[in-house]
Amino acid sequence: MDSNSPPVEMFFFPFVGGGHLIPMIDIARVFASHGAKATIITTPKHSLSFRKSITRDKKSGLPISRHVLELSDVYIAATDMSATSFIDTSMLQEPQQNLLLERKPDCIVHDVFHRWSAVAIDSVGISRITFNENGCFACCVRENMERYSPMKKQSHGGGLHKRMPGSDEKSFGVMVNSFYDLDSFRNELGNTAWIVGPVSLCNRNVEDKG
């Protein structure tokens, strides 16, 4: 890329649970360390959990920032970072779409558990990558559950597999917090798998490791 060209602008849209939020924040920091202009989309209360680390990164010169959506957090439970995968976050759709239309980033990385976000992002014409906090093996299991329906005749389980996020052929692939030597199942995925981990290694000081 031409050194005089503007940096790639990337948005990161994490889910509210700690197992999703923490690695997505670290991924944004990794991309910023490589020169991408990284913006983390968050809510007022959840932004407090990583405000200090992002402030330290900005002071060190990294092109990273937070964008806090203007809404009440009363609708989003589990501010203690223990959110389950079935929390409804669809109230974020309108403010997120307005932000994308205003800023028009080059790409957005969105968590797979924001189920509505794929259609919402596609509607404004922004390139996107899906983030899955699981490894490639878990992704392969999910794909095969959809393809072969092993639970179709089972009466128990509450239809969990039907509520899981499905494959996403319109995205530019799935981003996984893993590494190549561990995840040979990457080759089994039909979509592109972007292996970027383990991203926790970006934490070099005591404050971030805590």
Foldseek 3Di string as FASTA:
>chain_A
DDPPDAAAEEEEEFDQAQLTPLQSVLVQLVVQVVPHQYEYEEADLLCVVCVVVQVVSVVVPGNYYYDHQPDDCPQPDDSVRHDDLPRAPCVCLVSVLVVCLVPVGQEYEYELSNVPVVVSVVVSPHAYAYEDADALVVLVVLAVCVVPVPCPPPPDDVCPSVPGRHDDPRHQYYEYAADDVVHPSCVVDPHHYHHDHPSLVVDDDPVSVD
